[in-house]
Protein backbone atom coordinates (compact mmCIF):
# COMPACT_ATOMS: atom_id res chain seq x y z
CA MET A 1 33.31 1.11 -19.42
CA LEU A 2 30.98 -1.75 -18.73
CA GLN A 3 29.11 -3.23 -21.66
CA LYS A 4 26.00 -5.36 -21.93
CA ASN A 5 26.73 -9.10 -21.45
CA ASP A 6 30.05 -8.43 -19.68
CA ILE A 7 30.84 -10.91 -16.91
CA VAL A 8 32.28 -9.44 -13.71
CA THR A 9 33.77 -11.92 -11.24
CA GLY A 10 33.87 -11.52 -7.49
CA ALA A 11 31.76 -8.36 -7.27
CA LEU A 12 31.17 -7.35 -3.63
CA ILE A 13 27.59 -6.37 -2.75
CA GLU A 14 27.93 -3.34 -0.49
CA GLY A 15 24.30 -2.33 0.12
CA TYR A 16 20.80 -2.04 -1.32
CA THR A 17 18.77 0.21 -3.57
CA SER A 18 15.38 1.45 -2.36
CA GLU A 19 13.85 -1.42 -4.37
CA GLY A 20 15.94 -4.04 -2.54
CA MET A 21 18.45 -4.78 -5.30
CA GLY A 22 22.05 -5.34 -4.28
CA VAL A 23 24.58 -2.59 -5.06
CA ALA A 24 28.13 -3.34 -6.19
CA ARG A 25 30.89 -0.94 -7.28
CA VAL A 26 32.67 -1.93 -10.48
CA ASP A 27 35.34 0.41 -11.88
CA GLY A 28 33.75 3.28 -9.99
CA GLN A 29 30.28 2.57 -11.33
CA ALA A 30 27.29 1.55 -9.22
CA VAL A 31 25.83 -1.72 -10.48
CA PHE A 32 22.38 -2.81 -9.32
CA VAL A 33 22.18 -6.59 -9.00
CA HIS A 34 18.82 -8.38 -8.90
CA GLY A 35 18.48 -10.79 -5.96
CA ALA A 36 21.87 -10.07 -4.38
CA LEU A 37 22.39 -9.64 -0.63
CA ARG A 38 24.68 -7.29 1.20
CA GLY A 39 28.04 -8.88 2.01
CA GLU A 40 27.90 -11.44 -0.79
CA ARG A 41 30.49 -11.85 -3.51
CA CYS A 42 29.01 -12.74 -6.86
CA ASP A 43 29.94 -13.31 -10.47
CA ILE A 44 27.48 -11.07 -12.30
CA LYS A 45 26.34 -10.54 -15.88
CA ILE A 46 25.63 -7.00 -17.08
CA LEU A 47 22.07 -6.74 -18.43
CA LYS A 48 21.72 -3.03 -19.16
CA VAL A 49 24.02 -0.01 -19.19
CA GLY A 50 22.01 3.18 -18.83
CA LYS A 51 23.00 6.81 -18.43
CA LYS A 52 22.38 6.76 -14.68
CA ALA A 53 22.50 3.11 -13.68
CA VAL A 54 23.90 -0.28 -14.61
CA TYR A 55 21.82 -3.42 -14.03
CA ALA A 56 23.07 -6.99 -13.66
CA LYS A 57 22.01 -10.47 -12.64
CA ILE A 58 23.78 -13.11 -10.58
CA GLU A 59 25.61 -15.81 -12.49
CA ASN A 60 27.21 -17.42 -9.46
CA ILE A 61 27.46 -16.67 -5.72
CA THR A 62 31.01 -17.25 -4.50
CA GLU A 63 30.46 -15.97 -0.93
CA ARG A 64 26.93 -16.51 0.34
CA SER A 65 25.18 -14.33 2.95
CA MET A 66 23.93 -15.99 6.13
CA HIS A 67 20.67 -14.08 5.54
CA ARG A 68 19.91 -15.73 2.17
CA THR A 69 16.80 -17.92 2.12
CA GLU A 70 15.07 -20.01 -0.52
CA PRO A 71 11.85 -18.28 -1.71
CA VAL A 72 8.76 -20.30 -0.85
CA CYS A 73 6.74 -18.88 -3.77
CA PRO A 74 7.07 -20.78 -7.09
CA VAL A 75 6.58 -17.61 -9.20
CA TYR A 76 8.68 -15.31 -7.01
CA ARG A 77 11.27 -14.54 -9.68
CA THR A 78 8.73 -13.74 -12.41
CA CYS A 79 5.80 -12.15 -10.55
CA GLY A 80 7.48 -9.11 -9.04
CA GLY A 81 4.84 -8.59 -6.35
CA CYS A 82 7.27 -9.59 -3.60
CA ALA A 83 10.88 -8.41 -3.87
CA LEU A 84 12.50 -9.71 -0.68
CA MET A 85 11.70 -13.42 -0.32
CA HIS A 86 15.36 -14.25 -0.95
CA MET A 87 16.39 -12.65 2.39
CA ASP A 88 15.39 -13.58 5.93
CA TYR A 89 13.14 -11.28 7.93
CA GLU A 90 15.94 -9.96 10.13
CA GLU A 91 17.76 -8.63 7.07
CA GLU A 92 14.50 -7.32 5.58
CA LEU A 93 13.82 -5.17 8.66
CA ALA A 94 17.44 -3.96 8.70
CA PHE A 95 17.14 -3.00 5.01
CA LYS A 96 13.91 -1.09 5.60
CA LYS A 97 15.30 0.76 8.62
CA GLU A 98 18.37 1.81 6.65
CA ARG A 99 16.23 2.81 3.68
CA ILE A 100 14.21 5.21 5.82
CA GLU A 101 17.15 6.71 7.68
CA SER A 102 19.12 7.10 4.46
CA ALA A 103 16.22 9.05 2.94
CA PHE A 104 16.09 11.26 6.03
CA ARG A 105 19.77 12.16 5.50
CA ARG A 106 20.06 12.31 1.71
CA ILE A 107 16.69 13.82 0.77
CA GLY A 108 15.57 15.61 3.91
CA GLY A 109 18.96 16.74 5.18
CA LEU A 110 17.84 15.55 8.62
CA GLU A 111 19.79 14.01 11.46
CA LEU A 112 16.79 11.89 12.38
CA THR A 113 16.88 8.22 13.29
CA LEU A 114 14.12 5.73 14.01
CA ASP A 115 13.34 4.93 17.62
CA ARG A 116 12.60 1.42 16.35
CA ILE A 117 11.07 -0.59 13.51
CA THR A 118 8.26 -2.98 14.46
CA GLY A 119 8.09 -6.16 12.42
CA SER A 120 4.94 -8.05 11.54
CA ASP A 121 3.92 -11.16 13.47
CA ASN A 122 2.85 -12.74 10.17
CA CYS A 123 4.89 -12.44 6.99
CA LEU A 124 2.49 -14.55 4.92
CA GLY A 125 -1.28 -14.44 4.49
CA TYR A 126 -1.56 -10.95 5.98
CA ARG A 127 -3.08 -8.92 3.12
CA ASN A 128 -6.77 -8.09 3.48
CA LYS A 129 -7.00 -6.66 -0.06
CA ALA A 130 -6.09 -8.33 -3.35
CA ILE A 131 -6.23 -7.06 -6.93
CA TYR A 132 -5.93 -9.83 -9.53
CA ASN A 133 -5.48 -8.94 -13.18
CA VAL A 134 -7.36 -11.19 -15.61
CA SER A 135 -5.95 -12.53 -18.88
CA THR A 136 -5.89 -15.61 -21.14
CA VAL A 137 -3.00 -18.08 -21.34
CA GLY A 138 -3.20 -21.21 -23.50
CA GLY A 139 -6.90 -20.68 -24.12
CA ARG A 140 -7.79 -20.61 -20.43
CA THR A 141 -8.61 -17.70 -18.15
CA VAL A 142 -5.89 -16.85 -15.65
CA THR A 143 -5.67 -14.40 -12.76
CA GLY A 144 -2.45 -13.03 -11.40
CA PHE A 145 -0.15 -10.05 -11.24
CA TYR A 146 1.77 -8.03 -13.79
CA ARG A 147 5.34 -8.99 -14.56
CA PRO A 148 7.65 -6.11 -13.54
CA ARG A 149 7.58 -3.16 -15.96
CA SER A 150 4.97 -4.80 -18.19
CA HIS A 151 1.29 -5.64 -18.47
CA ASP A 152 1.97 -9.35 -19.00
CA VAL A 153 -0.02 -11.27 -16.41
CA VAL A 154 1.89 -13.92 -14.46
CA PRO A 155 -0.70 -16.62 -13.57
CA VAL A 156 -0.95 -17.11 -9.79
CA GLU A 157 -3.25 -19.68 -8.20
CA ARG A 158 -2.01 -19.20 -4.62
CA CYS A 159 -0.46 -15.91 -3.57
CA LEU A 160 1.21 -16.59 -0.24
CA ILE A 161 0.84 -13.07 1.17
CA GLN A 162 -2.90 -12.84 0.40
CA ALA A 163 -5.78 -14.10 2.50
CA GLY A 164 -6.86 -17.55 1.32
CA PHE A 165 -10.33 -16.10 0.72
CA SER A 166 -9.01 -13.90 -2.09
CA ASP A 167 -7.33 -16.75 -3.96
CA ARG A 168 -10.48 -18.86 -3.76
CA ALA A 169 -12.59 -15.96 -5.01
CA ALA A 170 -10.30 -15.38 -8.00
CA ALA A 171 -10.45 -19.09 -8.87
CA ALA A 172 -14.26 -18.99 -8.71
CA VAL A 173 -14.39 -16.09 -11.17
CA ARG A 174 -12.01 -17.93 -13.52
CA ARG A 175 -14.23 -21.02 -13.52
CA TRP A 176 -17.35 -18.96 -14.20
CA MET A 177 -15.65 -17.18 -17.09
CA ASP A 178 -14.45 -20.38 -18.76
CA GLU A 179 -17.78 -22.17 -18.28
CA ASN A 180 -19.79 -19.26 -19.70
CA GLY A 181 -17.48 -18.04 -22.47
CA VAL A 182 -16.79 -14.72 -20.74
CA THR A 183 -13.55 -13.28 -22.09
CA PRO A 184 -10.94 -11.14 -20.31
CA TYR A 185 -10.61 -7.52 -21.38
CA ASP A 186 -7.82 -6.89 -23.91
CA GLU A 187 -6.45 -3.38 -23.42
CA ASN A 188 -4.74 -3.46 -26.84
CA THR A 189 -7.93 -4.16 -28.82
CA CYS A 190 -10.39 -2.78 -26.21
CA SER A 191 -12.38 -6.01 -26.54
CA GLY A 192 -13.62 -8.51 -23.96
CA SER A 193 -15.09 -7.73 -20.57
CA VAL A 194 -13.60 -8.79 -17.22
CA ARG A 195 -10.53 -6.79 -16.26
CA ARG A 196 -9.82 -7.55 -12.60
CA VAL A 197 -11.02 -9.35 -9.50
CA PHE A 198 -10.84 -7.09 -6.44
CA CYS A 199 -11.17 -8.77 -3.03
CA ARG A 200 -11.43 -7.55 0.56
CA TYR A 201 -11.40 -9.70 3.68
CA GLY A 202 -12.03 -8.66 7.29
CA PHE A 203 -9.64 -10.71 9.40
CA LYS A 204 -11.41 -9.79 12.63
CA THR A 205 -14.99 -10.28 11.41
CA GLY A 206 -14.40 -13.01 8.82
CA GLU A 207 -16.44 -11.12 6.18
CA GLY A 208 -15.41 -11.15 2.52
CA GLN A 209 -16.23 -8.97 -0.48
CA VAL A 210 -15.62 -9.73 -4.16
CA THR A 211 -15.76 -6.97 -6.77
CA VAL A 212 -15.66 -8.03 -10.42
CA VAL A 213 -14.27 -5.20 -12.53
CA SER A 214 -15.58 -5.30 -16.09
CA ALA A 215 -15.39 -3.04 -19.13
CA SER A 216 -18.97 -4.05 -19.95
CA SER A 217 -22.18 -4.31 -17.95
CA GLU A 218 -23.43 -7.09 -20.24
CA LEU A 219 -22.21 -10.28 -18.58
CA THR A 220 -23.52 -13.78 -19.16
CA ASN A 221 -25.12 -15.77 -16.32
CA ILE A 222 -24.67 -13.35 -13.41
CA ARG A 223 -26.57 -15.80 -11.19
CA GLY A 224 -23.97 -18.43 -12.02
CA LEU A 225 -21.18 -16.01 -10.99
CA VAL A 226 -22.84 -15.35 -7.64
CA ASP A 227 -23.40 -19.06 -7.00
CA GLU A 228 -19.79 -19.92 -7.93
CA ILE A 229 -18.32 -17.31 -5.58
CA ARG A 230 -20.63 -18.18 -2.68
CA SER A 231 -19.90 -21.89 -3.06
CA ALA A 232 -16.12 -21.37 -3.06
CA CYS A 233 -16.16 -18.62 -0.43
CA PRO A 234 -18.85 -19.06 2.25
CA GLU A 235 -17.38 -16.01 4.05
CA THR A 236 -18.67 -13.76 1.26
CA VAL A 237 -21.25 -11.18 2.34
CA SER A 238 -20.91 -8.82 -0.64
CA ILE A 239 -20.54 -9.34 -4.39
CA VAL A 240 -20.21 -6.16 -6.46
CA LEU A 241 -19.93 -5.38 -10.17
CA ASN A 242 -17.80 -2.37 -11.13
CA VAL A 243 -18.22 -1.26 -14.75
CA ASN A 244 -14.91 0.46 -15.48
CA LYS A 245 -14.66 1.73 -19.06
CA THR A 246 -11.59 3.92 -18.53
CA THR A 247 -8.26 3.34 -20.24
CA GLY A 248 -5.07 3.06 -18.24
CA ASN A 249 -4.29 1.58 -14.84
CA THR A 250 -7.16 2.87 -12.70
CA VAL A 251 -8.36 -0.22 -10.84
CA LEU A 252 -11.82 0.97 -9.79
CA ALA A 253 -13.81 3.64 -11.64
CA GLY A 254 -17.28 4.21 -13.02
CA ASP A 255 -20.47 2.60 -11.76
CA PHE A 256 -20.89 0.09 -8.93
CA SER A 257 -23.85 -2.23 -8.41
CA VAL A 258 -24.43 -4.91 -5.80
CA LEU A 259 -24.96 -8.33 -7.40
CA TRP A 260 -25.61 -10.08 -4.11
CA GLY A 261 -25.51 -9.31 -0.40
CA ARG A 262 -24.46 -6.03 1.15
CA GLU A 263 -22.79 -2.96 -0.28
CA GLN A 264 -20.12 -3.01 2.45
CA ILE A 265 -18.23 -5.41 4.67
CA THR A 266 -17.15 -4.62 8.21
CA ASP A 267 -13.92 -5.10 10.11
CA GLU A 268 -12.64 -4.10 13.54
CA LEU A 269 -9.58 -1.96 14.16
CA CYS A 270 -8.36 -0.45 17.44
CA GLY A 271 -11.59 -1.50 19.12
CA LEU A 272 -13.76 0.26 16.52
CA LYS A 273 -15.93 -1.21 13.77
CA PHE A 274 -15.45 0.02 10.21
CA ALA A 275 -17.70 -0.40 7.17
CA LEU A 276 -15.72 -0.79 3.95
CA SER A 277 -16.98 -0.30 0.41
CA PRO A 278 -14.75 -1.26 -2.55
CA ARG A 279 -13.16 2.19 -2.97
CA SER A 280 -12.57 2.84 0.72
CA PHE A 281 -8.96 3.13 1.87
CA TYR A 282 -8.06 0.64 4.58
CA GLN A 283 -4.58 -0.48 5.59
CA ILE A 284 -3.87 -3.93 4.15
CA ASN A 285 -2.25 -5.35 7.31
CA ARG A 286 -4.80 -4.99 10.12
CA ASP A 287 -2.67 -6.03 13.11
CA GLN A 288 0.22 -3.76 12.13
CA ALA A 289 -2.18 -0.91 11.36
CA GLU A 290 -3.39 -1.05 14.96
CA ARG A 291 0.18 -0.56 16.19
CA LEU A 292 0.79 2.22 13.69
CA TYR A 293 -2.37 4.12 14.67
CA ASP A 294 -1.68 3.70 18.38
CA LYS A 295 1.67 5.39 17.82
CA ALA A 296 0.07 8.19 15.77
CA VAL A 297 -2.38 8.86 18.62
CA GLU A 298 0.53 8.89 21.10
CA TYR A 299 2.46 11.37 18.94
CA ALA A 300 -0.61 13.66 18.72
CA GLY A 301 -0.28 14.25 22.48
CA LEU A 302 -3.99 14.33 23.26
CA SER A 303 -5.46 14.83 26.73
CA GLY A 304 -9.17 15.15 25.92
CA SER A 305 -9.76 18.78 24.99
CA GLU A 306 -7.74 19.27 21.81
CA THR A 307 -8.91 19.78 18.22
CA VAL A 308 -7.38 17.39 15.69
CA LEU A 309 -7.42 17.74 11.89
CA ASP A 310 -6.94 14.51 9.91
CA LEU A 311 -6.21 15.06 6.22
CA TYR A 312 -6.54 12.08 3.82
CA CYS A 313 -8.85 10.45 6.37
CA GLY A 314 -10.20 7.65 4.13
CA THR A 315 -12.95 5.77 5.95
CA GLY A 316 -12.14 7.67 9.15
CA THR A 317 -9.88 5.11 10.80
CA ILE A 318 -7.32 7.56 12.20
CA THR A 319 -9.93 10.29 12.77
CA LEU A 320 -12.06 8.08 14.99
CA CYS A 321 -9.01 6.78 16.87
CA MET A 322 -8.03 10.40 17.55
CA ALA A 323 -11.58 11.42 18.47
CA ARG A 324 -11.59 9.07 21.47
CA LYS A 325 -8.72 11.07 22.98
CA ALA A 326 -9.60 14.58 21.71
CA GLY A 327 -12.30 17.16 22.17
CA ARG A 328 -13.01 17.48 18.45
CA ALA A 329 -11.75 15.62 15.37
CA VAL A 330 -12.20 16.76 11.76
CA GLY A 331 -11.45 14.42 8.84
CA ALA A 332 -11.09 15.38 5.17
CA GLU A 333 -11.02 13.08 2.13
CA ILE A 334 -11.63 13.60 -1.61
CA VAL A 335 -13.36 10.22 -2.23
CA ALA A 336 -17.08 10.68 -1.62
CA ALA A 337 -17.72 6.98 -0.94
CA ALA A 338 -15.02 6.98 1.74
CA ILE A 339 -16.55 10.04 3.45
CA SER A 340 -19.94 8.32 3.40
CA ASP A 341 -18.32 5.29 5.06
CA ALA A 342 -16.53 7.53 7.58
CA ARG A 343 -19.77 9.19 8.69
CA PHE A 344 -21.45 5.79 8.90
CA ASN A 345 -18.52 4.50 10.95
CA ALA A 346 -18.67 7.45 13.36
CA ALA A 347 -22.38 6.88 13.96
CA GLY A 348 -21.98 3.12 14.26
CA ASN A 349 -19.29 3.53 16.92
CA GLY A 350 -21.19 6.20 18.83
CA VAL A 351 -18.51 8.84 18.18
CA SER A 352 -20.23 12.24 18.27
CA ASN A 353 -17.18 14.54 18.31
CA ALA A 354 -15.95 13.63 14.81
CA GLU A 355 -17.00 15.38 11.61
CA PHE A 356 -16.04 14.76 7.99
CA ILE A 357 -15.79 16.90 4.87
CA CYS A 358 -15.43 15.72 1.28
CA ALA A 359 -12.69 17.79 -0.35
CA ASP A 360 -9.19 17.69 -1.73
CA ALA A 361 -6.61 18.02 1.08
CA SER A 362 -5.40 21.39 -0.20
CA GLN A 363 -8.93 22.78 -0.53
CA ALA A 364 -9.98 21.35 2.82
CA ALA A 365 -7.00 22.80 4.68
CA GLU A 366 -7.42 26.23 3.07
CA SER A 367 -11.19 26.28 3.71
CA LEU A 368 -10.82 25.25 7.35
CA LYS A 369 -8.08 27.83 7.86
CA LYS A 370 -10.39 30.57 6.51
CA GLN A 371 -13.10 29.37 8.87
CA GLY A 372 -10.72 29.99 11.73
CA LEU A 373 -10.00 26.37 12.64
CA GLN A 374 -6.90 26.24 14.83
CA PRO A 375 -6.09 22.57 15.40
CA ASN A 376 -3.76 21.58 18.21
CA SER A 377 -2.60 18.61 16.15
CA VAL A 378 -2.71 17.85 12.43
CA VAL A 379 -2.42 14.29 11.11
CA VAL A 380 -1.60 13.53 7.47
CA ASP A 381 -1.55 10.12 5.80
CA PRO A 382 -1.13 10.95 2.10
CA PRO A 383 -0.70 8.61 -0.88
CA ARG A 384 2.77 7.65 -2.08
CA LYS A 385 3.34 10.98 -3.87
CA GLY A 386 3.28 12.82 -0.55
CA LEU A 387 1.93 16.30 0.16
CA ASP A 388 1.46 19.19 -2.23
CA SER A 389 3.54 22.20 -1.18
CA SER A 390 0.36 24.27 -0.80
CA VAL A 391 -0.98 21.78 1.78
CA ILE A 392 2.27 21.99 3.73
CA ARG A 393 2.17 25.77 3.70
CA THR A 394 -1.48 25.92 4.82
CA ILE A 395 -0.89 23.44 7.66
CA ALA A 396 2.04 25.51 8.90
CA GLU A 397 -0.07 28.68 8.72
CA MET A 398 -2.66 27.02 10.96
CA GLY A 399 0.04 26.83 13.61
CA PRO A 400 -0.65 23.44 15.24
CA ASP A 401 1.55 22.46 18.18
CA ARG A 402 2.12 19.03 16.66
CA ILE A 403 2.06 17.51 13.18
CA VAL A 404 1.92 13.74 12.82
CA TYR A 405 2.98 12.48 9.39
CA VAL A 406 2.12 8.87 8.44
CA SER A 407 3.88 7.83 5.23
CA CYS A 408 4.27 4.80 2.98
CA ASP A 409 7.17 6.33 1.02
CA PRO A 410 10.43 7.38 2.75
CA ALA A 411 11.52 9.57 -0.17
CA THR A 412 8.45 11.83 -0.36
CA LEU A 413 8.23 11.82 3.45
CA SER A 414 11.79 13.14 3.73
CA ARG A 415 11.18 15.76 1.05
CA ASP A 416 8.10 17.00 2.91
CA LEU A 417 9.84 17.00 6.30
CA ALA A 418 12.47 19.33 4.82
CA LEU A 419 9.71 21.68 3.60
CA PHE A 420 8.09 21.67 7.02
CA ALA A 421 11.48 22.41 8.58
CA GLY A 422 11.69 25.54 6.44
CA LEU A 423 8.34 26.65 7.87
CA GLY A 424 9.31 26.20 11.51
CA TYR A 425 8.53 22.55 12.28
CA LYS A 426 11.19 20.14 13.49
CA ALA A 427 10.99 16.36 13.04
CA LEU A 428 11.46 15.18 16.60
CA ARG A 429 10.71 11.43 16.67
CA ALA A 430 10.05 8.65 14.18
CA GLU A 431 9.09 5.00 14.21
CA ALA A 432 8.57 2.49 11.41
CA PHE A 433 6.04 -0.32 11.12
CA ASP A 434 6.36 -3.10 8.56
CA LEU A 435 2.87 -3.46 7.11
CA PHE A 436 4.16 -5.07 3.91
CA PRO A 437 6.45 -8.06 4.69
CA ARG A 438 8.35 -9.57 1.75
CA THR A 439 7.95 -6.36 -0.26
CA CYS A 440 10.06 -3.19 -0.27
CA HIS A 441 7.30 -1.02 1.19
CA VAL A 442 7.23 0.21 4.78
CA GLU A 443 5.19 2.66 6.86
CA THR A 444 6.74 5.43 8.94
CA VAL A 445 5.16 7.79 11.46
CA VAL A 446 6.94 11.04 12.36
CA LEU A 447 6.23 13.61 15.07
CA MET A 448 6.95 17.26 14.23
CA THR A 449 6.72 20.12 16.71
CA LYS A 450 7.21 23.86 16.46
CA LYS A 451 10.85 24.87 16.66
């Protein structure tokens, strides 16, 4: 049996976990090795022996993979935001493709393969949304990201996958805090004020929004904050204060007030303009999102007369893309602010055949079914946890010809595809789109039809 601190020489890395760690077999046990690449031989040190898994780190690489690269980020090994900077992009796409297809087989019991995986043109500087945690290190305010499996903030001045606007905005808030004695919120003592800096940037329009998340509405020198942000970030058109007094990890909650400028920013996607408030869902990689949504519209098989139901519609991005090809499009979303944005977006783009309801996906589907809605196609783009079984059942009872499932988690996607299969829907085609280069995340779109 392996023990903590054991050294294993010449361990062969045979594959990857879903989190991108290398997998070696030692005395019949699977050992997960941080930062190891498939095909490498490594001397490894055992860090933890658990009931279900053994974890190790590399001590020495004796046979190096041709896909190994030197991470360009100075805090890559401590931050945890990016997991794959030690491999080249070719290997990253291969890993993500295998991750999805493995989940199809193991979890879904499906003989389904991807038609293709589409990589991103830009692997750095692509994120249009950034969430910086705020803390104090050495008596100075820092912004950054949590160390893996902790709430310790790793200070980051330049995050290479974020828009430069976001880094400059975070630096401006830090300066204002230090100059005015504004302290970060301490979740252990429930003291202090500023918790996070939340940034959005429209790559097509060049508009930026900064939301300061605070546990208190009483902040010193608000005018100074506005001036600091506008000076550092001339692209800014919206500065918002979110007073979030909740405990836990909820990023945005409570009351929102505009400190300067507009309540929303705009961006363009698939030839449509979208207004975005802080809590609106919007894919973080705009160019890849266009490709993803184009494929979803293709899978929906629209000719101009069909009715489409879009559950988890957010700000109406997919709904409005579908509406241009359909006779009628109905979007449902539980976040009231997002529905307000969706209706605004429909009007602003002159789309008259789209309607939106504010409701939980399960409630919306059941209510629409009782009203007699019989959609030709149903589109779902749920959060990482996937669909509730009641939503799956209600969708199947509606009897659409096609179901298009957009997912950011291969495991819950595969689980749900198996449930749909039991209700008469077969997963026919699938494609993947890498919206999150240098991380383990990946988007997949699947077409299901009636058996």
